[in-house]
PDB file of all heavy atoms in Angstrom:
ATOM      1  N   THR A   1      29.101 -46.429  46.423  1.00  0.00           N
ATOM      2  CA  THR A   1      28.736 -47.639  45.679  1.00  0.00           C
ATOM      3  C   THR A   1      28.313 -48.768  46.621  1.00  0.00           C
ATOM      4  O   THR A   1      27.476 -49.594  46.248  1.00  0.00           O
ATOM      5  CB  THR A   1      29.873 -48.108  44.753  1.00  0.00           C
ATOM      6  OG1 THR A   1      31.064 -48.323  45.510  1.00  0.00           O
ATOM      7  CG2 THR A   1      30.130 -47.070  43.674  1.00  0.00           C
ATOM      8  N   ARG A   2      28.873 -48.813  47.820  1.00  0.00           N
ATOM      9  CA  ARG A   2      28.397 -49.813  48.780  1.00  0.00           C
ATOM     10  C   ARG A   2      26.932 -49.542  49.143  1.00  0.00           C
ATOM     11  O   ARG A   2      26.126 -50.464  49.300  1.00  0.00           O
ATOM     12  CB  ARG A   2      29.252 -49.824  50.035  1.00  0.00           C
ATOM     13  CG  ARG A   2      29.007 -51.063  50.921  1.00  0.00           C
ATOM     14  CD  ARG A   2      29.823 -50.985  52.198  1.00  0.00           C
ATOM     15  NE  ARG A   2      31.228 -50.756  51.942  1.00  0.00           N
ATOM     16  CZ  ARG A   2      32.112 -51.718  51.687  1.00  0.00           C
ATOM     17  NH1 ARG A   2      31.707 -52.979  51.645  1.00  0.00           N
ATOM     18  NH2 ARG A   2      33.373 -51.431  51.485  1.00  0.00           N
ATOM     19  N   LYS A   3      26.593 -48.265  49.253  1.00  0.00           N
ATOM     20  CA  LYS A   3      25.197 -47.919  49.558  1.00  0.00           C
ATOM     21  C   LYS A   3      24.280 -48.255  48.385  1.00  0.00           C
ATOM     22  O   LYS A   3      23.144 -48.694  48.582  1.00  0.00           O
ATOM     23  CB  LYS A   3      25.094 -46.453  49.961  1.00  0.00           C
ATOM     24  CG  LYS A   3      25.670 -46.214  51.358  1.00  0.00           C
ATOM     25  CD  LYS A   3      25.571 -44.779  51.788  1.00  0.00           C
ATOM     26  CE  LYS A   3      25.984 -44.683  53.265  1.00  0.00           C
ATOM     27  NZ  LYS A   3      27.330 -45.212  53.523  1.00  0.00           N
ATOM     28  N   LEU A   4      24.769 -48.065  47.166  1.00  0.00           N
ATOM     29  CA  LEU A   4      23.983 -48.493  46.010  1.00  0.00           C
ATOM     30  C   LEU A   4      23.738 -49.995  46.055  1.00  0.00           C
ATOM     31  O   LEU A   4      22.619 -50.463  45.805  1.00  0.00           O
ATOM     32  CB  LEU A   4      24.682 -48.102  44.712  1.00  0.00           C
ATOM     33  CG  LEU A   4      24.693 -46.622  44.354  1.00  0.00           C
ATOM     34  CD1 LEU A   4      25.633 -46.364  43.180  1.00  0.00           C
ATOM     35  CD2 LEU A   4      23.296 -46.116  44.035  1.00  0.00           C
ATOM     36  N   ARG A   5      24.775 -50.743  46.376  1.00  0.00           N
ATOM     37  CA  ARG A   5      24.628 -52.201  46.435  1.00  0.00           C
ATOM     38  C   ARG A   5      23.694 -52.618  47.577  1.00  0.00           C
ATOM     39  O   ARG A   5      23.025 -53.654  47.491  1.00  0.00           O
ATOM     40  CB  ARG A   5      25.996 -52.857  46.610  1.00  0.00           C
ATOM     41  CG  ARG A   5      26.928 -52.676  45.418  1.00  0.00           C
ATOM     42  CD  ARG A   5      28.221 -53.457  45.629  1.00  0.00           C
ATOM     43  NE  ARG A   5      29.231 -53.121  44.632  1.00  0.00           N
ATOM     44  CZ  ARG A   5      29.297 -53.625  43.409  1.00  0.00           C
ATOM     45  NH1 ARG A   5      28.372 -54.493  43.016  1.00  0.00           N
ATOM     46  NH2 ARG A   5      30.258 -53.280  42.576  1.00  0.00           N
ATOM     47  N   THR A   6      23.656 -51.812  48.622  1.00  0.00           N
ATOM     48  CA  THR A   6      22.781 -52.123  49.761  1.00  0.00           C
ATOM     49  C   THR A   6      21.334 -51.780  49.467  1.00  0.00           C
ATOM     50  O   THR A   6      20.425 -52.585  49.722  1.00  0.00           O
ATOM     51  CB  THR A   6      23.246 -51.352  51.010  1.00  0.00           C
ATOM     52  OG1 THR A   6      24.556 -51.797  51.375  1.00  0.00           O
ATOM     53  CG2 THR A   6      22.289 -51.570  52.178  1.00  0.00           C
ATOM     54  N   TYR A   7      21.115 -50.584  48.911  1.00  0.00           N
ATOM     55  CA  TYR A   7      19.753 -50.053  48.854  1.00  0.00           C
ATOM     56  C   TYR A   7      19.004 -50.344  47.556  1.00  0.00           C
ATOM     57  O   TYR A   7      17.788 -50.530  47.571  1.00  0.00           O
ATOM     58  CB  TYR A   7      19.775 -48.546  49.102  1.00  0.00           C
ATOM     59  CG  TYR A   7      20.163 -48.175  50.513  1.00  0.00           C
ATOM     60  CD1 TYR A   7      21.245 -47.339  50.757  1.00  0.00           C
ATOM     61  CD2 TYR A   7      19.449 -48.653  51.606  1.00  0.00           C
ATOM     62  CE1 TYR A   7      21.611 -46.982  52.058  1.00  0.00           C
ATOM     63  CE2 TYR A   7      19.807 -48.308  52.905  1.00  0.00           C
ATOM     64  CZ  TYR A   7      20.889 -47.479  53.119  1.00  0.00           C
ATOM     65  OH  TYR A   7      21.238 -47.138  54.399  1.00  0.00           O
ATOM     66  N   LEU A   8      19.693 -50.380  46.424  1.00  0.00           N
ATOM     67  CA  LEU A   8      18.959 -50.603  45.178  1.00  0.00           C
ATOM     68  C   LEU A   8      18.221 -51.945  45.163  1.00  0.00           C
ATOM     69  O   LEU A   8      17.069 -52.005  44.709  1.00  0.00           O
ATOM     70  CB  LEU A   8      19.890 -50.491  43.970  1.00  0.00           C
ATOM     71  CG  LEU A   8      20.344 -49.079  43.571  1.00  0.00           C
ATOM     72  CD1 LEU A   8      21.122 -49.129  42.266  1.00  0.00           C
ATOM     73  CD2 LEU A   8      19.175 -48.116  43.455  1.00  0.00           C
ATOM     74  N   PRO A   9      18.816 -53.023  45.651  1.00  0.00           N
ATOM     75  CA  PRO A   9      18.086 -54.299  45.621  1.00  0.00           C
ATOM     76  C   PRO A   9      16.826 -54.324  46.491  1.00  0.00           C
ATOM     77  O   PRO A   9      15.984 -55.216  46.319  1.00  0.00           O
ATOM     78  CB  PRO A   9      19.126 -55.312  46.128  1.00  0.00           C
ATOM     79  CG  PRO A   9      20.446 -54.703  45.793  1.00  0.00           C
ATOM     80  CD  PRO A   9      20.237 -53.236  46.025  1.00  0.00           C
ATOM     81  N   THR A  10      16.674 -53.371  47.413  1.00  0.00           N
ATOM     82  CA  THR A  10      15.484 -53.361  48.272  1.00  0.00           C
ATOM     83  C   THR A  10      14.228 -52.944  47.527  1.00  0.00           C
ATOM     84  O   THR A  10      13.113 -53.183  47.997  1.00  0.00           O
ATOM     85  CB  THR A  10      15.668 -52.393  49.456  1.00  0.00           C
ATOM     86  OG1 THR A  10      15.680 -51.035  48.975  1.00  0.00           O
ATOM     87  CG2 THR A  10      16.949 -52.691  50.217  1.00  0.00           C
ATOM     88  N   GLY A  11      14.396 -52.267  46.374  1.00  0.00           N
ATOM     89  CA  GLY A  11      13.242 -51.738  45.651  1.00  0.00           C
ATOM     90  C   GLY A  11      12.699 -50.456  46.232  1.00  0.00           C
ATOM     91  O   GLY A  11      11.688 -49.940  45.755  1.00  0.00           O
ATOM     92  N   ARG A  12      13.382 -49.908  47.247  1.00  0.00           N
ATOM     93  CA  ARG A  12      12.885 -48.685  47.889  1.00  0.00           C
ATOM     94  C   ARG A  12      13.424 -47.410  47.257  1.00  0.00           C
ATOM     95  O   ARG A  12      12.991 -46.315  47.618  1.00  0.00           O
ATOM     96  CB  ARG A  12      13.226 -48.703  49.378  1.00  0.00           C
ATOM     97  CG  ARG A  12      12.537 -49.816  50.163  1.00  0.00           C
ATOM     98  CD  ARG A  12      12.693 -49.617  51.659  1.00  0.00           C
ATOM     99  NE  ARG A  12      14.064 -49.647  52.100  1.00  0.00           N
ATOM    100  CZ  ARG A  12      14.695 -50.719  52.566  1.00  0.00           C
ATOM    101  NH1 ARG A  12      14.058 -51.888  52.623  1.00  0.00           N
ATOM    102  NH2 ARG A  12      15.956 -50.654  52.960  1.00  0.00           N
ATOM    103  N   VAL A  13      14.383 -47.522  46.330  1.00  0.00           N
ATOM    104  CA  VAL A  13      14.930 -46.341  45.656  1.00  0.00           C
ATOM    105  C   VAL A  13      14.146 -46.111  44.369  1.00  0.00           C
ATOM    106  O   VAL A  13      14.109 -46.974  43.489  1.00  0.00           O
ATOM    107  CB  VAL A  13      16.430 -46.527  45.356  1.00  0.00           C
ATOM    108  CG1 VAL A  13      16.961 -45.324  44.566  1.00  0.00           C
ATOM    109  CG2 VAL A  13      17.215 -46.699  46.652  1.00  0.00           C
ATOM    110  N   GLY A  14      13.535 -44.941  44.259  1.00  0.00           N
ATOM    111  CA  GLY A  14      12.708 -44.658  43.094  1.00  0.00           C
ATOM    112  C   GLY A  14      13.339 -43.746  42.066  1.00  0.00           C
ATOM    113  O   GLY A  14      12.845 -43.648  40.937  1.00  0.00           O
ATOM    114  N   HIS A  15      14.439 -43.081  42.432  1.00  0.00           N
ATOM    115  CA  HIS A  15      15.045 -42.114  41.503  1.00  0.00           C
ATOM    116  C   HIS A  15      16.458 -41.834  41.986  1.00  0.00           C
ATOM    117  O   HIS A  15      16.723 -41.801  43.193  1.00  0.00           O
ATOM    118  CB  HIS A  15      14.228 -40.811  41.500  1.00  0.00           C
ATOM    119  CG  HIS A  15      14.619 -39.841  40.437  1.00  0.00           C
ATOM    120  ND1 HIS A  15      14.369 -40.047  39.097  1.00  0.00           N
ATOM    121  CD2 HIS A  15      15.236 -38.629  40.509  1.00  0.00           C
ATOM    122  CE1 HIS A  15      14.804 -39.007  38.393  1.00  0.00           C
ATOM    123  NE2 HIS A  15      15.340 -38.145  39.222  1.00  0.00           N
ATOM    124  N   LEU A  16      17.382 -41.640  41.055  1.00  0.00           N
ATOM    125  CA  LEU A  16      18.760 -41.260  41.367  1.00  0.00           C
ATOM    126  C   LEU A  16      19.052 -39.880  40.798  1.00  0.00           C
ATOM    127  O   LEU A  16      18.458 -39.462  39.800  1.00  0.00           O
ATOM    128  CB  LEU A  16      19.760 -42.249  40.770  1.00  0.00           C
ATOM    129  CG  LEU A  16      19.778 -43.686  41.299  1.00  0.00           C
ATOM    130  CD1 LEU A  16      20.846 -44.480  40.560  1.00  0.00           C
ATOM    131  CD2 LEU A  16      20.028 -43.718  42.791  1.00  0.00           C
ATOM    132  N   GLN A  17      19.991 -39.184  41.436  1.00  0.00           N
ATOM    133  CA  GLN A  17      20.497 -37.917  40.909  1.00  0.00           C
ATOM    134  C   GLN A  17      22.009 -37.876  41.082  1.00  0.00           C
ATOM    135  O   GLN A  17      22.561 -38.524  41.975  1.00  0.00           O
ATOM    136  CB  GLN A  17      19.850 -36.723  41.619  1.00  0.00           C
ATOM    137  CG  GLN A  17      18.374 -36.550  41.268  1.00  0.00           C
ATOM    138  CD  GLN A  17      17.728 -35.406  42.019  1.00  0.00           C
ATOM    139  OE1 GLN A  17      17.962 -35.211  43.205  1.00  0.00           O
ATOM    140  NE2 GLN A  17      16.898 -34.630  41.322  1.00  0.00           N
ATOM    141  N   ILE A  18      22.666 -37.091  40.228  1.00  0.00           N
ATOM    142  CA  ILE A  18      24.126 -37.005  40.248  1.00  0.00           C
ATOM    143  C   ILE A  18      24.582 -35.575  40.074  1.00  0.00           C
ATOM    144  O   ILE A  18      23.874 -34.726  39.521  1.00  0.00           O
ATOM    145  CB  ILE A  18      24.765 -37.872  39.136  1.00  0.00           C
ATOM    146  CG1 ILE A  18      24.230 -37.457  37.759  1.00  0.00           C
ATOM    147  CG2 ILE A  18      24.538 -39.352  39.397  1.00  0.00           C
ATOM    148  CD1 ILE A  18      24.983 -38.106  36.596  1.00  0.00           C
ATOM    149  N   ALA A  19      25.803 -35.315  40.543  1.00  0.00           N
ATOM    150  CA  ALA A  19      26.522 -34.057  40.317  1.00  0.00           C
ATOM    151  C   ALA A  19      27.937 -34.262  40.819  1.00  0.00           C
ATOM    152  O   ALA A  19      28.199 -35.121  41.674  1.00  0.00           O
ATOM    153  CB  ALA A  19      25.860 -32.889  41.060  1.00  0.00           C
ATOM    154  N   GLY A  20      28.864 -33.468  40.295  1.00  0.00           N
ATOM    155  CA  GLY A  20      30.230 -33.524  40.788  1.00  0.00           C
ATOM    156  C   GLY A  20      30.314 -33.029  42.220  1.00  0.00           C
ATOM    157  O   GLY A  20      29.644 -32.066  42.605  1.00  0.00           O
ATOM    158  N   VAL A  21      31.159 -33.689  42.993  1.00  0.00           N
ATOM    159  CA  VAL A  21      31.347 -33.341  44.404  1.00  0.00           C
ATOM    160  C   VAL A  21      32.752 -32.750  44.580  1.00  0.00           C
ATOM    161  O   VAL A  21      33.723 -33.325  44.085  1.00  0.00           O
ATOM    162  CB  VAL A  21      31.213 -34.610  45.288  1.00  0.00           C
ATOM    163  CG1 VAL A  21      31.351 -34.245  46.776  1.00  0.00           C
ATOM    164  CG2 VAL A  21      29.884 -35.322  45.027  1.00  0.00           C
ATOM    165  N   PRO A  22      32.904 -31.607  45.261  1.00  0.00           N
ATOM    166  CA  PRO A  22      31.907 -30.933  46.089  1.00  0.00           C
ATOM    167  C   PRO A  22      31.247 -29.712  45.467  1.00  0.00           C
ATOM    168  O   PRO A  22      30.421 -29.068  46.106  1.00  0.00           O
ATOM    169  CB  PRO A  22      32.765 -30.485  47.285  1.00  0.00           C
ATOM    170  CG  PRO A  22      34.069 -30.102  46.649  1.00  0.00           C
ATOM    171  CD  PRO A  22      34.277 -31.102  45.528  1.00  0.00           C
ATOM    172  N   ASP A  23      31.602 -29.348  44.229  1.00  0.00           N
ATOM    173  CA  ASP A  23      31.169 -28.059  43.689  1.00  0.00           C
ATOM    174  C   ASP A  23      29.863 -28.107  42.908  1.00  0.00           C
ATOM    175  O   ASP A  23      29.388 -27.091  42.422  1.00  0.00           O
ATOM    176  CB  ASP A  23      32.267 -27.478  42.794  1.00  0.00           C
ATOM    177  CG  ASP A  23      33.531 -27.169  43.575  1.00  0.00           C
ATOM    178  OD1 ASP A  23      33.409 -26.702  44.727  1.00  0.00           O
ATOM    179  OD2 ASP A  23      34.640 -27.402  43.047  1.00  0.00           O
ATOM    180  N   ARG A  24      29.291 -29.283  42.763  1.00  0.00           N
ATOM    181  CA  ARG A  24      28.019 -29.487  42.073  1.00  0.00           C
ATOM    182  C   ARG A  24      28.066 -29.046  40.609  1.00  0.00           C
ATOM    183  O   ARG A  24      27.094 -28.524  40.059  1.00  0.00           O
ATOM    184  CB  ARG A  24      26.863 -28.806  42.813  1.00  0.00           C
ATOM    185  CG  ARG A  24      25.531 -29.498  42.525  1.00  0.00           C
ATOM    186  CD  ARG A  24      24.448 -29.099  43.496  1.00  0.00           C
ATOM    187  NE  ARG A  24      23.242 -29.869  43.219  1.00  0.00           N
ATOM    188  CZ  ARG A  24      22.147 -29.833  43.975  1.00  0.00           C
ATOM    189  NH1 ARG A  24      22.112 -29.082  45.049  1.00  0.00           N
ATOM    190  NH2 ARG A  24      21.113 -30.563  43.655  1.00  0.00           N
ATOM    191  N   HIS A  25      29.196 -29.288  39.987  1.00  0.00           N
ATOM    192  CA  HIS A  25      29.309 -29.090  38.548  1.00  0.00           C
ATOM    193  C   HIS A  25      29.121 -30.446  37.859  1.00  0.00           C
ATOM    194  O   HIS A  25      28.498 -31.352  38.417  1.00  0.00           O
ATOM    195  CB  HIS A  25      30.663 -28.469  38.203  1.00  0.00           C
ATOM    196  CG  HIS A  25      30.851 -27.086  38.748  1.00  0.00           C
ATOM    197  ND1 HIS A  25      29.849 -26.144  38.746  1.00  0.00           N
ATOM    198  CD2 HIS A  25      31.940 -26.484  39.329  1.00  0.00           C
ATOM    199  CE1 HIS A  25      30.287 -25.014  39.278  1.00  0.00           C
ATOM    200  NE2 HIS A  25      31.545 -25.193  39.645  1.00  0.00           N
ATOM    201  N   GLU A  26      29.634 -30.589  36.639  1.00  0.00           N
ATOM    202  CA  GLU A  26      29.471 -31.820  35.873  1.00  0.00           C
ATOM    203  C   GLU A  26      29.951 -33.042  36.665  1.00  0.00           C
ATOM    204  O   GLU A  26      30.907 -32.933  37.451  1.00  0.00           O
ATOM    205  CB  GLU A  26      30.256 -31.719  34.562  1.00  0.00           C
ATOM    206  CG  GLU A  26      29.611 -30.839  33.512  1.00  0.00           C
ATOM    207  CD  GLU A  26      29.811 -29.347  33.712  1.00  0.00           C
ATOM    208  OE1 GLU A  26      30.454 -28.949  34.713  1.00  0.00           O
ATOM    209  OE2 GLU A  26      29.336 -28.565  32.877  1.00  0.00           O
ATOM    210  N   PRO A  27      29.317 -34.178  36.470  1.00  0.00           N
ATOM    211  CA  PRO A  27      29.697 -35.360  37.245  1.00  0.00           C
ATOM    212  C   PRO A  27      31.068 -35.928  36.927  1.00  0.00           C
ATOM    213  O   PRO A  27      31.557 -36.772  37.684  1.00  0.00           O
ATOM    214  CB  PRO A  27      28.588 -36.376  36.907  1.00  0.00           C
ATOM    215  CG  PRO A  27      27.999 -35.897  35.633  1.00  0.00           C
ATOM    216  CD  PRO A  27      28.119 -34.412  35.651  1.00  0.00           C
ATOM    217  N   ASP A  28      31.708 -35.492  35.852  1.00  0.00           N
ATOM    218  CA  ASP A  28      33.074 -35.957  35.586  1.00  0.00           C
ATOM    219  C   ASP A  28      34.111 -35.042  36.235  1.00  0.00           C
ATOM    220  O   ASP A  28      35.304 -35.135  35.934  1.00  0.00           O
ATOM    221  CB  ASP A  28      33.338 -36.106  34.084  1.00  0.00           C
ATOM    222  CG  ASP A  28      33.140 -34.808  33.309  1.00  0.00           C
ATOM    223  OD1 ASP A  28      32.541 -33.862  33.860  1.00  0.00           O
ATOM    224  OD2 ASP A  28      33.564 -34.764  32.145  1.00  0.00           O
ATOM    225  N   THR A  29      33.673 -34.164  37.135  1.00  0.00           N
ATOM    226  CA  THR A  29      34.585 -33.334  37.917  1.00  0.00           C
ATOM    227  C   THR A  29      34.450 -33.719  39.388  1.00  0.00           C
ATOM    228  O   THR A  29      33.440 -34.270  39.822  1.00  0.00           O
ATOM    229  CB  THR A  29      34.259 -31.841  37.759  1.00  0.00           C
ATOM    230  OG1 THR A  29      32.955 -31.573  38.307  1.00  0.00           O
ATOM    231  CG2 THR A  29      34.271 -31.427  36.297  1.00  0.00           C
TER     232      THR A  29
END
């Protein structure tokens, strides 16, 4: 979230993706 706060305001992020860490299942895991 610190990186989101750093990078999103720059306008250089064009797309986000998500997955649960570390097994890449649903994001609520």
